[in-house]
Amino acid sequence: MAAQPRMFLDKWLDARSEGSLEDRFDSRCLDVHAAGLADPETARAMCDDCRAAYEFDTAEQKADREASRLITPAAGALGSGRRGGKHGGPSRTGRT
């Protein structure tokens, strides 16, 4: 990651995003994340944070699904732009 942060970030986000990265994310945000990944301590902290969130979120989501609990949002959609448009758009709601 630290050796080629932008390449890693592009591949990682591309696998998790619809459309081109340039349409989904502001280039300044991508640059900040790539700069963070270039620093080994920052990259380690980012990985630790993702790992911790995954472990917690996975168990919590499984329990919610088993109890048939779905999110009931106060607003119909959160986000800006149109889905798949410039820098994202509204998220799907009511899903865990």
PDB file of N, CA and C in Angstrom:
ATOM      1  N   MET A   1       0.822  -1.194   0.000  1.00  0.00           N
ATOM      2  CA  MET A   1       0.000   0.000   0.000  1.00  0.00           C
ATOM      3  C   MET A   1       0.864   1.256   0.000  1.00  0.00           C
ATOM      4  N   ALA A   2       1.822   1.305   0.899  1.00  0.00           N
ATOM      5  CA  ALA A   2       2.623   2.518   1.043  1.00  0.00           C
ATOM      6  C   ALA A   2       3.493   2.776  -0.185  1.00  0.00           C
ATOM      7  N   ALA A   3       3.901   1.719  -0.888  1.00  0.00           N
ATOM      8  CA  ALA A   3       4.764   1.887  -2.053  1.00  0.00           C
ATOM      9  C   ALA A   3       4.024   2.518  -3.233  1.00  0.00           C
ATOM     10  N   GLN A   4       2.759   2.164  -3.418  1.00  0.00           N
ATOM     11  CA  GLN A   4       1.957   2.704  -4.522  1.00  0.00           C
ATOM     12  C   GLN A   4       0.551   3.019  -4.009  1.00  0.00           C
ATOM     13  N   PRO A   5       0.436   4.047  -3.184  1.00  0.00           N
ATOM     14  CA  PRO A   5      -0.851   4.306  -2.530  1.00  0.00           C
ATOM     15  C   PRO A   5      -1.997   4.619  -3.485  1.00  0.00           C
ATOM     16  N   ARG A   6      -1.747   5.380  -4.522  1.00  0.00           N
ATOM     17  CA  ARG A   6      -2.845   5.740  -5.429  1.00  0.00           C
ATOM     18  C   ARG A   6      -3.327   4.515  -6.205  1.00  0.00           C
ATOM     19  N   MET A   7      -2.387   3.654  -6.635  1.00  0.00           N
ATOM     20  CA  MET A   7      -2.786   2.439  -7.340  1.00  0.00           C
ATOM     21  C   MET A   7      -3.626   1.544  -6.421  1.00  0.00           C
ATOM     22  N   PHE A   8      -3.175   1.377  -5.182  1.00  0.00           N
ATOM     23  CA  PHE A   8      -3.924   0.561  -4.235  1.00  0.00           C
ATOM     24  C   PHE A   8      -5.314   1.144  -4.014  1.00  0.00           C
ATOM     25  N   LEU A   9      -5.381   2.444  -3.783  1.00  0.00           N
ATOM     26  CA  LEU A   9      -6.660   3.105  -3.527  1.00  0.00           C
ATOM     27  C   LEU A   9      -7.591   2.975  -4.726  1.00  0.00           C
ATOM     28  N   ASP A  10      -7.065   3.198  -5.918  1.00  0.00           N
ATOM     29  CA  ASP A  10      -7.888   3.082  -7.126  1.00  0.00           C
ATOM     30  C   ASP A  10      -8.466   1.674  -7.264  1.00  0.00           C
ATOM     31  N   LYS A  11      -7.647   0.653  -7.061  1.00  0.00           N
ATOM     32  CA  LYS A  11      -8.127  -0.734  -7.191  1.00  0.00           C
ATOM     33  C   LYS A  11      -9.118  -1.076  -6.086  1.00  0.00           C
ATOM     34  N   TRP A  12      -8.829  -0.655  -4.871  1.00  0.00           N
ATOM     35  CA  TRP A  12      -9.698  -0.977  -3.730  1.00  0.00           C
ATOM     36  C   TRP A  12     -11.062  -0.312  -3.885  1.00  0.00           C
ATOM     37  N   LEU A  13     -11.076   0.970  -4.222  1.00  0.00           N
ATOM     38  CA  LEU A  13     -12.346   1.681  -4.380  1.00  0.00           C
ATOM     39  C   LEU A  13     -13.081   1.256  -5.642  1.00  0.00           C
ATOM     40  N   ASP A  14     -12.341   0.995  -6.708  1.00  0.00           N
ATOM     41  CA  ASP A  14     -12.978   0.597  -7.960  1.00  0.00           C
ATOM     42  C   ASP A  14     -13.763  -0.697  -7.788  1.00  0.00           C
ATOM     43  N   ALA A  15     -13.257  -1.597  -6.970  1.00  0.00           N
ATOM     44  CA  ALA A  15     -13.943  -2.871  -6.738  1.00  0.00           C
ATOM     45  C   ALA A  15     -15.207  -2.690  -5.908  1.00  0.00           C
ATOM     46  N   ARG A  16     -15.348  -1.552  -5.242  1.00  0.00           N
ATOM     47  CA  ARG A  16     -16.478  -1.320  -4.348  1.00  0.00           C
ATOM     48  C   ARG A  16     -17.405  -0.192  -4.823  1.00  0.00           C
ATOM     49  N   SER A  17     -17.193   0.297  -6.026  1.00  0.00           N
ATOM     50  CA  SER A  17     -17.943   1.455  -6.503  1.00  0.00           C
ATOM     51  C   SER A  17     -18.517   1.205  -7.882  1.00  0.00           C
ATOM     52  N   GLU A  18     -19.627   1.843  -8.148  1.00  0.00           N
ATOM     53  CA  GLU A  18     -20.222   1.810  -9.478  1.00  0.00           C
ATOM     54  C   GLU A  18     -19.730   3.027 -10.245  1.00  0.00           C
ATOM     55  N   GLY A  19     -19.420   2.872 -11.502  1.00  0.00           N
ATOM     56  CA  GLY A  19     -18.961   3.991 -12.306  1.00  0.00           C
ATOM     57  C   GLY A  19     -17.487   4.279 -12.069  1.00  0.00           C
ATOM     58  N   SER A  20     -16.982   5.288 -12.768  1.00  0.00           N
ATOM     59  CA  SER A  20     -15.567   5.626 -12.630  1.00  0.00           C
ATOM     60  C   SER A  20     -15.320   6.340 -11.304  1.00  0.00           C
ATOM     61  N   LEU A  21     -14.108   6.208 -10.799  1.00  0.00           N
ATOM     62  CA  LEU A  21     -13.766   6.869  -9.539  1.00  0.00           C
ATOM     63  C   LEU A  21     -13.874   8.379  -9.659  1.00  0.00           C
ATOM     64  N   GLU A  22     -13.522   8.910 -10.822  1.00  0.00           N
ATOM     65  CA  GLU A  22     -13.582  10.351 -11.018  1.00  0.00           C
ATOM     66  C   GLU A  22     -15.014  10.875 -10.909  1.00  0.00           C
ATOM     67  N   ASP A  23     -15.983  10.057 -11.302  1.00  0.00           N
ATOM     68  CA  ASP A  23     -17.383  10.458 -11.178  1.00  0.00           C
ATOM     69  C   ASP A  23     -17.909  10.253  -9.765  1.00  0.00           C
ATOM     70  N   ARG A  24     -17.345   9.309  -9.044  1.00  0.00           N
ATOM     71  CA  ARG A  24     -17.860   8.954  -7.717  1.00  0.00           C
ATOM     72  C   ARG A  24     -17.231   9.757  -6.589  1.00  0.00           C
ATOM     73  N   PHE A  25     -15.971  10.171  -6.758  1.00  0.00           N
ATOM     74  CA  PHE A  25     -15.255  10.827  -5.670  1.00  0.00           C
ATOM     75  C   PHE A  25     -14.561  12.087  -6.160  1.00  0.00           C
ATOM     76  N   ASP A  26     -14.539  13.089  -5.319  1.00  0.00           N
ATOM     77  CA  ASP A  26     -13.792  14.311  -5.596  1.00  0.00           C
ATOM     78  C   ASP A  26     -12.303  13.958  -5.601  1.00  0.00           C
ATOM     79  N   SER A  27     -11.567  14.412  -6.604  1.00  0.00           N
ATOM     80  CA  SER A  27     -10.146  14.063  -6.717  1.00  0.00           C
ATOM     81  C   SER A  27      -9.344  14.522  -5.506  1.00  0.00           C
ATOM     82  N   ARG A  28      -9.770  15.617  -4.862  1.00  0.00           N
ATOM     83  CA  ARG A  28      -9.057  16.081  -3.662  1.00  0.00           C
ATOM     84  C   ARG A  28      -9.174  15.062  -2.534  1.00  0.00           C
ATOM     85  N   CYS A  29     -10.326  14.414  -2.415  1.00  0.00           N
ATOM     86  CA  CYS A  29     -10.504  13.374  -1.390  1.00  0.00           C
ATOM     87  C   CYS A  29      -9.614  12.172  -1.685  1.00  0.00           C
ATOM     88  N   LEU A  30      -9.555  11.782  -2.951  1.00  0.00           N
ATOM     89  CA  LEU A  30      -8.694  10.662  -3.330  1.00  0.00           C
ATOM     90  C   LEU A  30      -7.229  10.986  -3.037  1.00  0.00           C
ATOM     91  N   ASP A  31      -6.821  12.219  -3.320  1.00  0.00           N
ATOM     92  CA  ASP A  31      -5.439  12.623  -3.064  1.00  0.00           C
ATOM     93  C   ASP A  31      -5.106  12.578  -1.576  1.00  0.00           C
ATOM     94  N   VAL A  32      -6.029  13.018  -0.725  1.00  0.00           N
ATOM     95  CA  VAL A  32      -5.803  12.996   0.726  1.00  0.00           C
ATOM     96  C   VAL A  32      -5.681  11.559   1.220  1.00  0.00           C
ATOM     97  N   HIS A  33      -6.555  10.683   0.750  1.00  0.00           N
ATOM     98  CA  HIS A  33      -6.479   9.275   1.159  1.00  0.00           C
ATOM     99  C   HIS A  33      -5.182   8.629   0.670  1.00  0.00           C
ATOM    100  N   ALA A  34      -4.786   8.928  -0.563  1.00  0.00           N
ATOM    101  CA  ALA A  34      -3.538   8.365  -1.093  1.00  0.00           C
ATOM    102  C   ALA A  34      -2.340   8.856  -0.282  1.00  0.00           C
ATOM    103  N   ALA A  35      -2.347  10.124   0.095  1.00  0.00           N
ATOM    104  CA  ALA A  35      -1.251  10.654   0.922  1.00  0.00           C
ATOM    105  C   ALA A  35      -1.205   9.940   2.267  1.00  0.00           C
ATOM    106  N   GLY A  36      -2.352   9.660   2.844  1.00  0.00           N
ATOM    107  CA  GLY A  36      -2.391   8.926   4.104  1.00  0.00           C
ATOM    108  C   GLY A  36      -1.851   7.522   3.962  1.00  0.00           C
ATOM    109  N   LEU A  37      -2.200   6.861   2.858  1.00  0.00           N
ATOM    110  CA  LEU A  37      -1.715   5.498   2.631  1.00  0.00           C
ATOM    111  C   LEU A  37      -0.212   5.450   2.382  1.00  0.00           C
ATOM    112  N   ALA A  38       0.371   6.558   1.931  1.00  0.00           N
ATOM    113  CA  ALA A  38       1.810   6.604   1.692  1.00  0.00           C
ATOM    114  C   ALA A  38       2.598   6.581   2.997  1.00  0.00           C
ATOM    115  N   ASP A  39       1.971   6.975   4.085  1.00  0.00           N
ATOM    116  CA  ASP A  39       2.609   6.964   5.402  1.00  0.00           C
ATOM    117  C   ASP A  39       2.294   5.635   6.087  1.00  0.00           C
ATOM    118  N   PRO A  40       3.315   4.815   6.392  1.00  0.00           N
ATOM    119  CA  PRO A  40       3.054   3.488   6.967  1.00  0.00           C
ATOM    120  C   PRO A  40       2.232   3.508   8.258  1.00  0.00           C
ATOM    121  N   GLU A  41       2.464   4.459   9.135  1.00  0.00           N
ATOM    122  CA  GLU A  41       1.703   4.506  10.389  1.00  0.00           C
ATOM    123  C   GLU A  41       0.236   4.868  10.143  1.00  0.00           C
ATOM    124  N   THR A  42       0.010   5.791   9.221  1.00  0.00           N
ATOM    125  CA  THR A  42      -1.365   6.163   8.885  1.00  0.00           C
ATOM    126  C   THR A  42      -2.071   4.996   8.204  1.00  0.00           C
ATOM    127  N   ALA A  43      -1.372   4.326   7.295  1.00  0.00           N
ATOM    128  CA  ALA A  43      -1.957   3.165   6.609  1.00  0.00           C
ATOM    129  C   ALA A  43      -2.321   2.079   7.620  1.00  0.00           C
ATOM    130  N   ARG A  44      -1.445   1.827   8.585  1.00  0.00           N
ATOM    131  CA  ARG A  44      -1.727   0.822   9.606  1.00  0.00           C
ATOM    132  C   ARG A  44      -2.952   1.213  10.418  1.00  0.00           C
ATOM    133  N   ALA A  45      -3.040   2.482  10.797  1.00  0.00           N
ATOM    134  CA  ALA A  45      -4.191   2.949  11.575  1.00  0.00           C
ATOM    135  C   ALA A  45      -5.483   2.825  10.771  1.00  0.00           C
ATOM    136  N   MET A  46      -5.428   3.135   9.474  1.00  0.00           N
ATOM    137  CA  MET A  46      -6.616   3.006   8.632  1.00  0.00           C
ATOM    138  C   MET A  46      -7.061   1.545   8.545  1.00  0.00           C
ATOM    139  N   CYS A  47      -6.099   0.642   8.401  1.00  0.00           N
ATOM    140  CA  CYS A  47      -6.427  -0.790   8.338  1.00  0.00           C
ATOM    141  C   CYS A  47      -6.997  -1.272   9.669  1.00  0.00           C
ATOM    142  N   ASP A  48      -6.396  -0.825  10.772  1.00  0.00           N
ATOM    143  CA  ASP A  48      -6.907  -1.198  12.095  1.00  0.00           C
ATOM    144  C   ASP A  48      -8.344  -0.726  12.278  1.00  0.00           C
ATOM    145  N   ASP A  49      -8.627   0.492  11.823  1.00  0.00           N
ATOM    146  CA  ASP A  49      -9.973   1.049  11.952  1.00  0.00           C
ATOM    147  C   ASP A  49     -10.975   0.249  11.126  1.00  0.00           C
ATOM    148  N   CYS A  50     -10.609  -0.080   9.899  1.00  0.00           N
ATOM    149  CA  CYS A  50     -11.502  -0.879   9.043  1.00  0.00           C
ATOM    150  C   CYS A  50     -11.748  -2.253   9.644  1.00  0.00           C
ATOM    151  N   ARG A  51     -10.688  -2.865  10.152  1.00  0.00           N
ATOM    152  CA  ARG A  51     -10.810  -4.197  10.743  1.00  0.00           C
ATOM    153  C   ARG A  51     -11.727  -4.163  11.967  1.00  0.00           C
ATOM    154  N   ALA A  52     -11.553  -3.170  12.816  1.00  0.00           N
ATOM    155  CA  ALA A  52     -12.389  -3.053  14.017  1.00  0.00           C
ATOM    156  C   ALA A  52     -13.848  -2.815  13.636  1.00  0.00           C
ATOM    157  N   ALA A  53     -14.086  -1.941  12.672  1.00  0.00           N
ATOM    158  CA  ALA A  53     -15.460  -1.658  12.243  1.00  0.00           C
ATOM    159  C   ALA A  53     -16.093  -2.896  11.623  1.00  0.00           C
ATOM    160  N   TYR A  54     -15.326  -3.628  10.833  1.00  0.00           N
ATOM    161  CA  TYR A  54     -15.869  -4.823  10.185  1.00  0.00           C
ATOM    162  C   TYR A  54     -16.324  -5.842  11.224  1.00  0.00           C
ATOM    163  N   GLU A  55     -15.474  -6.093  12.211  1.00  0.00           N
ATOM    164  CA  GLU A  55     -15.816  -7.092  13.226  1.00  0.00           C
ATOM    165  C   GLU A  55     -17.063  -6.692  13.995  1.00  0.00           C
ATOM    166  N   PHE A  56     -17.173  -5.422  14.373  1.00  0.00           N
ATOM    167  CA  PHE A  56     -18.337  -4.948  15.122  1.00  0.00           C
ATOM    168  C   PHE A  56     -19.571  -4.917  14.232  1.00  0.00           C
ATOM    169  N   ASP A  57     -19.441  -4.304  13.068  1.00  0.00           N
ATOM    170  CA  ASP A  57     -20.590  -4.133  12.180  1.00  0.00           C
ATOM    171  C   ASP A  57     -21.155  -5.461  11.700  1.00  0.00           C
ATOM    172  N   THR A  58     -20.300  -6.418  11.409  1.00  0.00           N
ATOM    173  CA  THR A  58     -20.773  -7.704  10.906  1.00  0.00           C
ATOM    174  C   THR A  58     -21.658  -8.400  11.930  1.00  0.00           C
ATOM    175  N   ALA A  59     -21.217  -8.444  13.177  1.00  0.00           N
ATOM    176  CA  ALA A  59     -22.013  -9.089  14.229  1.00  0.00           C
ATOM    177  C   ALA A  59     -23.315  -8.333  14.468  1.00  0.00           C
ATOM    178  N   GLU A  60     -23.235  -7.005  14.479  1.00  0.00           N
ATOM    179  CA  GLU A  60     -24.430  -6.187  14.711  1.00  0.00           C
ATOM    180  C   GLU A  60     -25.439  -6.355  13.571  1.00  0.00           C
ATOM    181  N   GLN A  61     -24.969  -6.354  12.339  1.00  0.00           N
ATOM    182  CA  GLN A  61     -25.869  -6.510  11.199  1.00  0.00           C
ATOM    183  C   GLN A  61     -26.498  -7.895  11.165  1.00  0.00           C
ATOM    184  N   LYS A  62     -25.734  -8.908  11.504  1.00  0.00           N
ATOM    185  CA  LYS A  62     -26.282 -10.263  11.543  1.00  0.00           C
ATOM    186  C   LYS A  62     -27.411 -10.348  12.565  1.00  0.00           C
ATOM    187  N   ALA A  63     -27.196  -9.770  13.744  1.00  0.00           N
ATOM    188  CA  ALA A  63     -28.233  -9.782  14.781  1.00  0.00           C
ATOM    189  C   ALA A  63     -29.474  -9.021  14.314  1.00  0.00           C
ATOM    190  N   ASP A  64     -29.280  -7.890  13.647  1.00  0.00           N
ATOM    191  CA  ASP A  64     -30.419  -7.121  13.136  1.00  0.00           C
ATOM    192  C   ASP A  64     -31.196  -7.908  12.088  1.00  0.00           C
ATOM    193  N   ARG A  65     -30.504  -8.555  11.174  1.00  0.00           N
ATOM    194  CA  ARG A  65     -31.192  -9.348  10.144  1.00  0.00           C
ATOM    195  C   ARG A  65     -31.965 -10.501  10.764  1.00  0.00           C
ATOM    196  N   GLU A  66     -31.349 -11.183  11.731  1.00  0.00           N
ATOM    197  CA  GLU A  66     -32.024 -12.310  12.380  1.00  0.00           C
ATOM    198  C   GLU A  66     -33.269 -11.865  13.137  1.00  0.00           C
ATOM    199  N   ALA A  67     -33.270 -10.626  13.639  1.00  0.00           N
ATOM    200  CA  ALA A  67     -34.421 -10.093  14.364  1.00  0.00           C
ATOM    201  C   ALA A  67     -35.362  -9.323  13.431  1.00  0.00           C
ATOM    202  N   SER A  68     -35.088  -9.361  12.118  1.00  0.00           N
ATOM    203  CA  SER A  68     -35.884  -8.640  11.106  1.00  0.00           C
ATOM    204  C   SER A  68     -35.951  -7.142  11.388  1.00  0.00           C
ATOM    205  N   ARG A  69     -34.870  -6.581  11.926  1.00  0.00           N
ATOM    206  CA  ARG A  69     -34.803  -5.136  12.166  1.00  0.00           C
ATOM    207  C   ARG A  69     -34.176  -4.458  10.952  1.00  0.00           C
ATOM    208  N   LEU A  70     -34.885  -3.499  10.410  1.00  0.00           N
ATOM    209  CA  LEU A  70     -34.381  -2.706   9.300  1.00  0.00           C
ATOM    210  C   LEU A  70     -34.307  -1.253   9.725  1.00  0.00           C
ATOM    211  N   ILE A  71     -33.452  -0.514   9.079  1.00  0.00           N
ATOM    212  CA  ILE A  71     -33.322   0.909   9.366  1.00  0.00           C
ATOM    213  C   ILE A  71     -34.545   1.630   8.818  1.00  0.00           C
ATOM    214  N   THR A  72     -35.119   2.488   9.623  1.00  0.00           N
ATOM    215  CA  THR A  72     -36.220   3.340   9.187  1.00  0.00           C
ATOM    216  C   THR A  72     -35.692   4.770   9.186  1.00  0.00           C
ATOM    217  N   PRO A  73     -35.230   5.246   8.031  1.00  0.00           N
ATOM    218  CA  PRO A  73     -34.613   6.568   7.989  1.00  0.00           C
ATOM    219  C   PRO A  73     -35.635   7.689   8.146  1.00  0.00           C
ATOM    220  N   ALA A  74     -35.180   8.769   8.754  1.00  0.00           N
ATOM    221  CA  ALA A  74     -36.037   9.947   8.897  1.00  0.00           C
ATOM    222  C   ALA A  74     -36.243  10.620   7.543  1.00  0.00           C
ATOM    223  N   ALA A  75     -35.256  10.526   6.674  1.00  0.00           N
ATOM    224  CA  ALA A  75     -35.353  11.097   5.333  1.00  0.00           C
ATOM    225  C   ALA A  75     -35.381   9.949   4.332  1.00  0.00           C
ATOM    226  N   GLY A  76     -35.986  10.193   3.189  1.00  0.00           N
ATOM    227  CA  GLY A  76     -36.088   9.148   2.183  1.00  0.00           C
ATOM    228  C   GLY A  76     -34.754   8.765   1.570  1.00  0.00           C
ATOM    229  N   ALA A  77     -33.829   9.708   1.487  1.00  0.00           N
ATOM    230  CA  ALA A  77     -32.517   9.428   0.902  1.00  0.00           C
ATOM    231  C   ALA A  77     -31.491  10.359   1.521  1.00  0.00           C
ATOM    232  N   LEU A  78     -30.294   9.866   1.652  1.00  0.00           N
ATOM    233  CA  LEU A  78     -29.195  10.672   2.157  1.00  0.00           C
ATOM    234  C   LEU A  78     -28.137  10.736   1.077  1.00  0.00           C
ATOM    235  N   GLY A  79     -27.543  11.884   0.881  1.00  0.00           N
ATOM    236  CA  GLY A  79     -26.505  12.019  -0.127  1.00  0.00           C
ATOM    237  C   GLY A  79     -26.799  13.215  -1.001  1.00  0.00           C
ATOM    238  N   SER A  80     -26.026  13.349  -2.056  1.00  0.00           N
ATOM    239  CA  SER A  80     -26.231  14.466  -2.968  1.00  0.00           C
ATOM    240  C   SER A  80     -26.033  13.972  -4.389  1.00  0.00           C
ATOM    241  N   GLY A  81     -26.576  14.676  -5.328  1.00  0.00           N
ATOM    242  CA  GLY A  81     -26.453  14.273  -6.720  1.00  0.00           C
ATOM    243  C   GLY A  81     -27.363  13.100  -7.026  1.00  0.00           C
ATOM    244  N   ARG A  82     -27.215  12.559  -8.209  1.00  0.00           N
ATOM    245  CA  ARG A  82     -28.024  11.401  -8.566  1.00  0.00           C
ATOM    246  C   ARG A  82     -27.198  10.142  -8.366  1.00  0.00           C
ATOM    247  N   ARG A  83     -27.850   9.050  -8.149  1.00  0.00           N
ATOM    248  CA  ARG A  83     -27.145   7.781  -7.910  1.00  0.00           C
ATOM    249  C   ARG A  83     -26.213   7.491  -9.080  1.00  0.00           C
ATOM    250  N   GLY A  84     -24.946   7.285  -8.754  1.00  0.00           N
ATOM    251  CA  GLY A  84     -23.961   7.014  -9.781  1.00  0.00           C
ATOM    252  C   GLY A  84     -23.458   8.265 -10.472  1.00  0.00           C
ATOM    253  N   GLY A  85     -23.956   9.429 -10.076  1.00  0.00           N
ATOM    254  CA  GLY A  85     -23.548  10.678 -10.698  1.00  0.00           C
ATOM    255  C   GLY A  85     -22.271  11.228 -10.107  1.00  0.00           C
ATOM    256  N   LYS A  86     -22.001  12.457 -10.426  1.00  0.00           N
ATOM    257  CA  LYS A  86     -20.781  13.111  -9.962  1.00  0.00           C
ATOM    258  C   LYS A  86     -20.700  13.071  -8.449  1.00  0.00           C
ATOM    259  N   HIS A  87     -19.691  12.430  -7.904  1.00  0.00           N
ATOM    260  CA  HIS A  87     -19.411  12.333  -6.464  1.00  0.00           C
ATOM    261  C   HIS A  87     -20.519  11.645  -5.685  1.00  0.00           C
ATOM    262  N   GLY A  88     -21.125  10.654  -6.273  1.00  0.00           N
ATOM    263  CA  GLY A  88     -22.070   9.823  -5.530  1.00  0.00           C
ATOM    264  C   GLY A  88     -23.499  10.264  -5.664  1.00  0.00           C
ATOM    265  N   GLY A  89     -24.297   9.803  -4.740  1.00  0.00           N
ATOM    266  CA  GLY A  89     -25.712  10.093  -4.770  1.00  0.00           C
ATOM    267  C   GLY A  89     -26.369   9.452  -3.580  1.00  0.00           C
ATOM    268  N   PRO A  90     -27.678   9.379  -3.595  1.00  0.00           N
ATOM    269  CA  PRO A  90     -28.378   8.810  -2.444  1.00  0.00           C
ATOM    270  C   PRO A  90     -28.071   7.332  -2.260  1.00  0.00           C
ATOM    271  N   SER A  91     -28.057   6.931  -1.021  1.00  0.00           N
ATOM    272  CA  SER A  91     -27.833   5.530  -0.691  1.00  0.00           C
ATOM    273  C   SER A  91     -29.149   4.785  -0.719  1.00  0.00           C
ATOM    274  N   ARG A  92     -29.072   3.473  -0.871  1.00  0.00           N
ATOM    275  CA  ARG A  92     -30.277   2.662  -0.716  1.00  0.00           C
ATOM    276  C   ARG A  92     -30.655   2.720   0.754  1.00  0.00           C
ATOM    277  N   THR A  93     -31.925   2.800   1.037  1.00  0.00           N
ATOM    278  CA  THR A  93     -32.358   2.882   2.426  1.00  0.00           C
ATOM    279  C   THR A  93     -33.149   1.648   2.799  1.00  0.00           C
ATOM    280  N   GLY A  94     -33.261   1.419   4.098  1.00  0.00           N
ATOM    281  CA  GLY A  94     -34.053   0.301   4.577  1.00  0.00           C
ATOM    282  C   GLY A  94     -33.364  -1.038   4.462  1.00  0.00           C
ATOM    283  N   ARG A  95     -32.061  -1.027   4.251  1.00  0.00           N
ATOM    284  CA  ARG A  95     -31.311  -2.278   4.141  1.00  0.00           C
ATOM    285  C   ARG A  95     -30.209  -2.284   5.185  1.00  0.00           C
ATOM    286  N   THR A  96     -29.924  -3.470   5.707  1.00  0.00           N
ATOM    287  CA  THR A  96     -28.809  -3.590   6.651  1.00  0.00           C
ATOM    288  C   THR A  96     -27.712  -4.398   6.038  1.00  0.00           C
TER     289      THR A  96
END
